[in-house]
């Protein structure tokens, strides 16, 4: 069974921010409303467009989601 995008993303968490992906993972971990069980691009994208004030751009999400699909499929 494929793990959710959140569980994939969390592996990039670090105590010190190394790059934008680490910053995204750290912020998603702190976001208690993040759709943690979702693997659906549209659901996640919509959530982040409305609530992802911590994302520097949606391109970061798109790139992370592509990596997720490649590594988890």
PDB file of N, CA and C in Angstrom:
ATOM      1  N   UNK A   1       0.844  -1.195   0.000  1.00  0.00           N
ATOM      2  CA  UNK A   1       0.000   0.000   0.000  1.00  0.00           C
ATOM      3  C   UNK A   1       0.879   1.244   0.000  1.00  0.00           C
ATOM      4  N   UNK A   2       0.519   2.178  -0.846  1.00  0.00           N
ATOM      5  CA  UNK A   2       1.275   3.419  -0.970  1.00  0.00           C
ATOM      6  C   UNK A   2       1.059   4.294   0.264  1.00  0.00           C
ATOM      7  N   UNK A   3       2.154   4.848   0.783  1.00  0.00           N
ATOM      8  CA  UNK A   3       1.986   5.737   1.928  1.00  0.00           C
ATOM      9  C   UNK A   3       1.504   7.102   1.454  1.00  0.00           C
ATOM     10  N   UNK A   4       0.920   7.839   2.369  1.00  0.00           N
ATOM     11  CA  UNK A   4       0.377   9.151   2.014  1.00  0.00           C
ATOM     12  C   UNK A   4       1.507  10.121   1.675  1.00  0.00           C
ATOM     13  N   UNK A   5       1.148  11.187   0.991  1.00  0.00           N
ATOM     14  CA  UNK A   5       2.137  12.209   0.649  1.00  0.00           C
ATOM     15  C   UNK A   5       2.760  12.789   1.915  1.00  0.00           C
ATOM     16  N   UNK A   6       1.952  13.024   2.923  1.00  0.00           N
ATOM     17  CA  UNK A   6       2.464  13.567   4.191  1.00  0.00           C
ATOM     18  C   UNK A   6       3.549  12.655   4.766  1.00  0.00           C
ATOM     19  N   UNK A   7       3.295  11.361   4.809  1.00  0.00           N
ATOM     20  CA  UNK A   7       4.280  10.438   5.373  1.00  0.00           C
ATOM     21  C   UNK A   7       5.545  10.371   4.526  1.00  0.00           C
ATOM     22  N   UNK A   8       5.398  10.551   3.231  1.00  0.00           N
ATOM     23  CA  UNK A   8       6.569  10.654   2.358  1.00  0.00           C
ATOM     24  C   UNK A   8       7.339  11.940   2.670  1.00  0.00           C
ATOM     25  N   UNK A   9       6.627  13.044   2.756  1.00  0.00           N
ATOM     26  CA  UNK A   9       7.249  14.351   2.956  1.00  0.00           C
ATOM     27  C   UNK A   9       7.996  14.449   4.283  1.00  0.00           C
ATOM     28  N   UNK A  10       7.455  13.844   5.304  1.00  0.00           N
ATOM     29  CA  UNK A  10       8.012  13.951   6.649  1.00  0.00           C
ATOM     30  C   UNK A  10       9.433  13.388   6.734  1.00  0.00           C
ATOM     31  N   UNK A  11       9.792  12.494   5.831  1.00  0.00           N
ATOM     32  CA  UNK A  11      11.160  11.965   5.886  1.00  0.00           C
ATOM     33  C   UNK A  11      12.209  13.046   5.605  1.00  0.00           C
ATOM     34  N   UNK A  12      11.774  14.181   5.089  1.00  0.00           N
ATOM     35  CA  UNK A  12      12.691  15.293   4.803  1.00  0.00           C
ATOM     36  C   UNK A  12      12.810  16.292   5.961  1.00  0.00           C
ATOM     37  N   UNK A  13      12.090  16.037   7.050  1.00  0.00           N
ATOM     38  CA  UNK A  13      12.184  16.932   8.214  1.00  0.00           C
ATOM     39  C   UNK A  13      13.595  16.935   8.776  1.00  0.00           C
ATOM     40  N   UNK A  14      14.054  18.112   9.175  1.00  0.00           N
ATOM     41  CA  UNK A  14      15.369  18.280   9.792  1.00  0.00           C
ATOM     42  C   UNK A  14      15.269  19.379  10.838  1.00  0.00           C
ATOM     43  N   UNK A  15      16.038  19.270  11.914  1.00  0.00           N
ATOM     44  CA  UNK A  15      15.998  20.335  12.927  1.00  0.00           C
ATOM     45  C   UNK A  15      16.491  21.677  12.374  1.00  0.00           C
ATOM     46  N   UNK A  16      17.469  21.627  11.474  1.00  0.00           N
ATOM     47  CA  UNK A  16      17.959  22.850  10.830  1.00  0.00           C
ATOM     48  C   UNK A  16      17.565  22.797   9.362  1.00  0.00           C
ATOM     49  N   UNK A  17      16.942  23.860   8.899  1.00  0.00           N
ATOM     50  CA  UNK A  17      16.467  23.900   7.515  1.00  0.00           C
ATOM     51  C   UNK A  17      17.668  23.912   6.563  1.00  0.00           C
ATOM     52  N   UNK A  18      17.688  22.918   5.677  1.00  0.00           N
ATOM     53  CA  UNK A  18      18.780  22.797   4.710  1.00  0.00           C
ATOM     54  C   UNK A  18      18.395  23.353   3.343  1.00  0.00           C
ATOM     55  N   UNK A  19      17.117  23.224   3.000  1.00  0.00           N
ATOM     56  CA  UNK A  19      16.640  23.667   1.692  1.00  0.00           C
ATOM     57  C   UNK A  19      15.125  23.872   1.759  1.00  0.00           C
ATOM     58  N   UNK A  20      14.530  24.220   0.638  1.00  0.00           N
ATOM     59  CA  UNK A  20      13.101  24.524   0.635  1.00  0.00           C
ATOM     60  C   UNK A  20      12.249  23.281   0.906  1.00  0.00           C
ATOM     61  N   UNK A  21      12.722  22.096   0.502  1.00  0.00           N
ATOM     62  CA  UNK A  21      11.963  20.875   0.778  1.00  0.00           C
ATOM     63  C   UNK A  21      11.949  20.580   2.276  1.00  0.00           C
ATOM     64  N   UNK A  22      13.059  20.789   2.937  1.00  0.00           N
ATOM     65  CA  UNK A  22      13.121  20.614   4.388  1.00  0.00           C
ATOM     66  C   UNK A  22      12.182  21.603   5.080  1.00  0.00           C
ATOM     67  N   UNK A  23      12.193  22.851   4.615  1.00  0.00           N
ATOM     68  CA  UNK A  23      11.306  23.866   5.193  1.00  0.00           C
ATOM     69  C   UNK A  23       9.840  23.460   5.009  1.00  0.00           C
ATOM     70  N   UNK A  24       9.492  22.939   3.835  1.00  0.00           N
ATOM     71  CA  UNK A  24       8.133  22.482   3.558  1.00  0.00           C
ATOM     72  C   UNK A  24       7.764  21.329   4.501  1.00  0.00           C
ATOM     73  N   UNK A  25       8.647  20.358   4.641  1.00  0.00           N
ATOM     74  CA  UNK A  25       8.378  19.214   5.518  1.00  0.00           C
ATOM     75  C   UNK A  25       8.201  19.663   6.965  1.00  0.00           C
ATOM     76  N   UNK A  26       9.042  20.551   7.427  1.00  0.00           N
ATOM     77  CA  UNK A  26       8.933  21.049   8.793  1.00  0.00           C
ATOM     78  C   UNK A  26       7.606  21.780   8.999  1.00  0.00           C
ATOM     79  N   UNK A  27       7.239  22.610   8.029  1.00  0.00           N
ATOM     80  CA  UNK A  27       5.996  23.381   8.143  1.00  0.00           C
ATOM     81  C   UNK A  27       4.771  22.473   8.072  1.00  0.00           C
ATOM     82  N   UNK A  28       4.797  21.479   7.201  1.00  0.00           N
ATOM     83  CA  UNK A  28       3.671  20.542   7.101  1.00  0.00           C
ATOM     84  C   UNK A  28       3.507  19.777   8.412  1.00  0.00           C
ATOM     85  N   UNK A  29       4.606  19.434   9.049  1.00  0.00           N
ATOM     86  CA  UNK A  29       4.557  18.741  10.339  1.00  0.00           C
ATOM     87  C   UNK A  29       3.884  19.613  11.400  1.00  0.00           C
ATOM     88  N   UNK A  30       4.147  20.907  11.354  1.00  0.00           N
ATOM     89  CA  UNK A  30       3.561  21.842  12.320  1.00  0.00           C
ATOM     90  C   UNK A  30       2.105  22.186  11.995  1.00  0.00           C
ATOM     91  N   UNK A  31       1.681  21.931  10.759  1.00  0.00           N
ATOM     92  CA  UNK A  31       0.317  22.249  10.309  1.00  0.00           C
ATOM     93  C   UNK A  31      -0.621  21.114  10.722  1.00  0.00           C
ATOM     94  N   UNK A  32      -1.313  21.295  11.808  1.00  0.00           N
ATOM     95  CA  UNK A  32      -2.155  20.228  12.359  1.00  0.00           C
ATOM     96  C   UNK A  32      -3.385  19.920  11.499  1.00  0.00           C
ATOM     97  N   UNK A  33      -3.695  20.774  10.537  1.00  0.00           N
ATOM     98  CA  UNK A  33      -4.833  20.528   9.647  1.00  0.00           C
ATOM     99  C   UNK A  33      -4.424  19.896   8.317  1.00  0.00           C
ATOM    100  N   UNK A  34      -3.139  19.720   8.105  1.00  0.00           N
ATOM    101  CA  UNK A  34      -2.660  19.143   6.843  1.00  0.00           C
ATOM    102  C   UNK A  34      -3.348  17.796   6.607  1.00  0.00           C
ATOM    103  N   UNK A  35      -3.812  17.546   5.370  1.00  0.00           N
ATOM    104  CA  UNK A  35      -4.490  16.266   5.076  1.00  0.00           C
ATOM    105  C   UNK A  35      -3.494  15.093   5.082  1.00  0.00           C
ATOM    106  N   UNK A  36      -3.235  14.584   6.261  1.00  0.00           N
ATOM    107  CA  UNK A  36      -2.153  13.619   6.481  1.00  0.00           C
ATOM    108  C   UNK A  36      -2.357  12.263   5.802  1.00  0.00           C
ATOM    109  N   UNK A  37      -3.576  11.897   5.496  1.00  0.00           N
ATOM    110  CA  UNK A  37      -3.821  10.576   4.913  1.00  0.00           C
ATOM    111  C   UNK A  37      -4.052  10.622   3.406  1.00  0.00           C
ATOM    112  N   UNK A  38      -3.928  11.794   2.826  1.00  0.00           N
ATOM    113  CA  UNK A  38      -4.234  11.937   1.409  1.00  0.00           C
ATOM    114  C   UNK A  38      -3.034  11.638   0.517  1.00  0.00           C
ATOM    115  N   UNK A  39      -3.335  11.032  -0.626  1.00  0.00           N
ATOM    116  CA  UNK A  39      -2.368  10.826  -1.701  1.00  0.00           C
ATOM    117  C   UNK A  39      -2.883  11.478  -2.984  1.00  0.00           C
ATOM    118  N   UNK A  40      -3.966  12.239  -2.848  1.00  0.00           N
ATOM    119  CA  UNK A  40      -4.627  12.838  -4.005  1.00  0.00           C
ATOM    120  C   UNK A  40      -4.062  14.225  -4.296  1.00  0.00           C
ATOM    121  N   UNK A  41      -3.496  14.383  -5.489  1.00  0.00           N
ATOM    122  CA  UNK A  41      -2.875  15.653  -5.878  1.00  0.00           C
ATOM    123  C   UNK A  41      -3.845  16.823  -5.736  1.00  0.00           C
ATOM    124  N   UNK A  42      -5.048  16.671  -6.244  1.00  0.00           N
ATOM    125  CA  UNK A  42      -6.008  17.782  -6.248  1.00  0.00           C
ATOM    126  C   UNK A  42      -6.428  18.184  -4.836  1.00  0.00           C
ATOM    127  N   UNK A  43      -6.664  17.217  -3.993  1.00  0.00           N
ATOM    128  CA  UNK A  43      -7.016  17.521  -2.606  1.00  0.00           C
ATOM    129  C   UNK A  43      -5.880  18.268  -1.900  1.00  0.00           C
ATOM    130  N   UNK A  44      -4.659  17.764  -2.072  1.00  0.00           N
ATOM    131  CA  UNK A  44      -3.501  18.390  -1.430  1.00  0.00           C
ATOM    132  C   UNK A  44      -3.231  19.779  -1.996  1.00  0.00           C
ATOM    133  N   UNK A  45      -3.304  19.895  -3.306  1.00  0.00           N
ATOM    134  CA  UNK A  45      -3.057  21.172  -3.956  1.00  0.00           C
ATOM    135  C   UNK A  45      -4.076  22.226  -3.499  1.00  0.00           C
ATOM    136  N   UNK A  46      -5.335  21.834  -3.471  1.00  0.00           N
ATOM    137  CA  UNK A  46      -6.382  22.760  -3.031  1.00  0.00           C
ATOM    138  C   UNK A  46      -6.135  23.178  -1.576  1.00  0.00           C
ATOM    139  N   UNK A  47      -5.826  22.223  -0.723  1.00  0.00           N
ATOM    140  CA  UNK A  47      -5.557  22.545   0.677  1.00  0.00           C
ATOM    141  C   UNK A  47      -4.407  23.554   0.786  1.00  0.00           C
ATOM    142  N   UNK A  48      -3.321  23.286   0.071  1.00  0.00           N
ATOM    143  CA  UNK A  48      -2.149  24.163   0.175  1.00  0.00           C
ATOM    144  C   UNK A  48      -2.406  25.544  -0.432  1.00  0.00           C
ATOM    145  N   UNK A  49      -3.205  25.607  -1.490  1.00  0.00           N
ATOM    146  CA  UNK A  49      -3.547  26.910  -2.066  1.00  0.00           C
ATOM    147  C   UNK A  49      -4.335  27.757  -1.071  1.00  0.00           C
ATOM    148  N   UNK A  50      -5.174  27.113  -0.274  1.00  0.00           N
ATOM    149  CA  UNK A  50      -5.990  27.838   0.697  1.00  0.00           C
ATOM    150  C   UNK A  50      -5.281  28.048   2.039  1.00  0.00           C
ATOM    151  N   UNK A  51      -4.405  27.125   2.414  1.00  0.00           N
ATOM    152  CA  UNK A  51      -3.839  27.140   3.768  1.00  0.00           C
ATOM    153  C   UNK A  51      -2.309  27.081   3.824  1.00  0.00           C
ATOM    154  N   UNK A  52      -1.663  26.910   2.712  1.00  0.00           N
ATOM    155  CA  UNK A  52      -0.210  26.717   2.717  1.00  0.00           C
ATOM    156  C   UNK A  52       0.586  27.996   2.673  1.00  0.00           C
ATOM    157  N   UNK A  53       0.261  28.918   3.559  1.00  0.00           N
ATOM    158  CA  UNK A  53       0.960  30.204   3.610  1.00  0.00           C
ATOM    159  C   UNK A  53       2.453  30.023   3.829  1.00  0.00           C
ATOM    160  N   UNK A  54       2.870  28.868   4.323  1.00  0.00           N
ATOM    161  CA  UNK A  54       4.270  28.592   4.599  1.00  0.00           C
ATOM    162  C   UNK A  54       5.039  28.140   3.354  1.00  0.00           C
ATOM    163  N   UNK A  55       4.341  27.880   2.258  1.00  0.00           N
ATOM    164  CA  UNK A  55       5.012  27.484   1.013  1.00  0.00           C
ATOM    165  C   UNK A  55       5.487  28.716   0.273  1.00  0.00           C
ATOM    166  N   UNK A  56       6.736  28.711  -0.153  1.00  0.00           N
ATOM    167  CA  UNK A  56       7.230  29.860  -0.919  1.00  0.00           C
ATOM    168  C   UNK A  56       6.597  29.912  -2.307  1.00  0.00           C
ATOM    169  N   UNK A  57       6.255  28.740  -2.862  1.00  0.00           N
ATOM    170  CA  UNK A  57       5.499  28.689  -4.119  1.00  0.00           C
ATOM    171  C   UNK A  57       4.901  27.292  -4.290  1.00  0.00           C
ATOM    172  N   UNK A  58       3.852  27.220  -5.080  1.00  0.00           N
ATOM    173  CA  UNK A  58       3.212  25.934  -5.331  1.00  0.00           C
ATOM    174  C   UNK A  58       4.114  25.030  -6.174  1.00  0.00           C
ATOM    175  N   UNK A  59       5.092  25.607  -6.852  1.00  0.00           N
ATOM    176  CA  UNK A  59       6.049  24.807  -7.614  1.00  0.00           C
ATOM    177  C   UNK A  59       6.786  23.849  -6.699  1.00  0.00           C
ATOM    178  N   UNK A  60       7.059  24.276  -5.489  1.00  0.00           N
ATOM    179  CA  UNK A  60       7.717  23.403  -4.516  1.00  0.00           C
ATOM    180  C   UNK A  60       6.852  22.171  -4.234  1.00  0.00           C
ATOM    181  N   UNK A  61       5.560  22.378  -4.041  1.00  0.00           N
ATOM    182  CA  UNK A  61       4.656  21.246  -3.844  1.00  0.00           C
ATOM    183  C   UNK A  61       4.631  20.356  -5.086  1.00  0.00           C
ATOM    184  N   UNK A  62       4.509  20.953  -6.262  1.00  0.00           N
ATOM    185  CA  UNK A  62       4.462  20.174  -7.506  1.00  0.00           C
ATOM    186  C   UNK A  62       5.708  19.303  -7.652  1.00  0.00           C
ATOM    187  N   UNK A  63       6.876  19.879  -7.389  1.00  0.00           N
ATOM    188  CA  UNK A  63       8.127  19.121  -7.503  1.00  0.00           C
ATOM    189  C   UNK A  63       8.180  17.993  -6.468  1.00  0.00           C
ATOM    190  N   UNK A  64       7.784  18.297  -5.242  1.00  0.00           N
ATOM    191  CA  UNK A  64       7.787  17.281  -4.187  1.00  0.00           C
ATOM    192  C   UNK A  64       6.795  16.163  -4.520  1.00  0.00           C
ATOM    193  N   UNK A  65       5.638  16.519  -5.075  1.00  0.00           N
ATOM    194  CA  UNK A  65       4.640  15.508  -5.413  1.00  0.00           C
ATOM    195  C   UNK A  65       5.143  14.614  -6.540  1.00  0.00           C
ATOM    196  N   UNK A  66       5.862  15.173  -7.500  1.00  0.00           N
ATOM    197  CA  UNK A  66       6.438  14.358  -8.581  1.00  0.00           C
ATOM    198  C   UNK A  66       7.456  13.369  -8.027  1.00  0.00           C
ATOM    199  N   UNK A  67       8.295  13.821  -7.113  1.00  0.00           N
ATOM    200  CA  UNK A  67       9.266  12.921  -6.462  1.00  0.00           C
ATOM    201  C   UNK A  67       8.531  11.814  -5.713  1.00  0.00           C
ATOM    202  N   UNK A  68       7.487  12.189  -5.025  1.00  0.00           N
ATOM    203  CA  UNK A  68       6.652  11.228  -4.297  1.00  0.00           C
ATOM    204  C   UNK A  68       6.123  10.151  -5.237  1.00  0.00           C
ATOM    205  N   UNK A  69       5.571  10.555  -6.379  1.00  0.00           N
ATOM    206  CA  UNK A  69       5.026   9.592  -7.322  1.00  0.00           C
ATOM    207  C   UNK A  69       6.111   8.672  -7.867  1.00  0.00           C
ATOM    208  N   UNK A  70       7.260   9.216  -8.158  1.00  0.00           N
ATOM    209  CA  UNK A  70       8.359   8.409  -8.700  1.00  0.00           C
ATOM    210  C   UNK A  70       8.889   7.415  -7.668  1.00  0.00           C
ATOM    211  N   UNK A  71       9.045   7.853  -6.447  1.00  0.00           N
ATOM    212  CA  UNK A  71       9.660   7.020  -5.419  1.00  0.00           C
ATOM    213  C   UNK A  71       8.692   6.038  -4.770  1.00  0.00           C
ATOM    214  N   UNK A  72       7.404   6.358  -4.774  1.00  0.00           N
ATOM    215  CA  UNK A  72       6.445   5.534  -4.067  1.00  0.00           C
ATOM    216  C   UNK A  72       5.619   4.634  -4.979  1.00  0.00           C
ATOM    217  N   UNK A  73       5.774   4.754  -6.283  1.00  0.00           N
ATOM    218  CA  UNK A  73       4.943   3.912  -7.168  1.00  0.00           C
ATOM    219  C   UNK A  73       5.618   2.590  -7.469  1.00  0.00           C
TER     220      UNK A  73
END
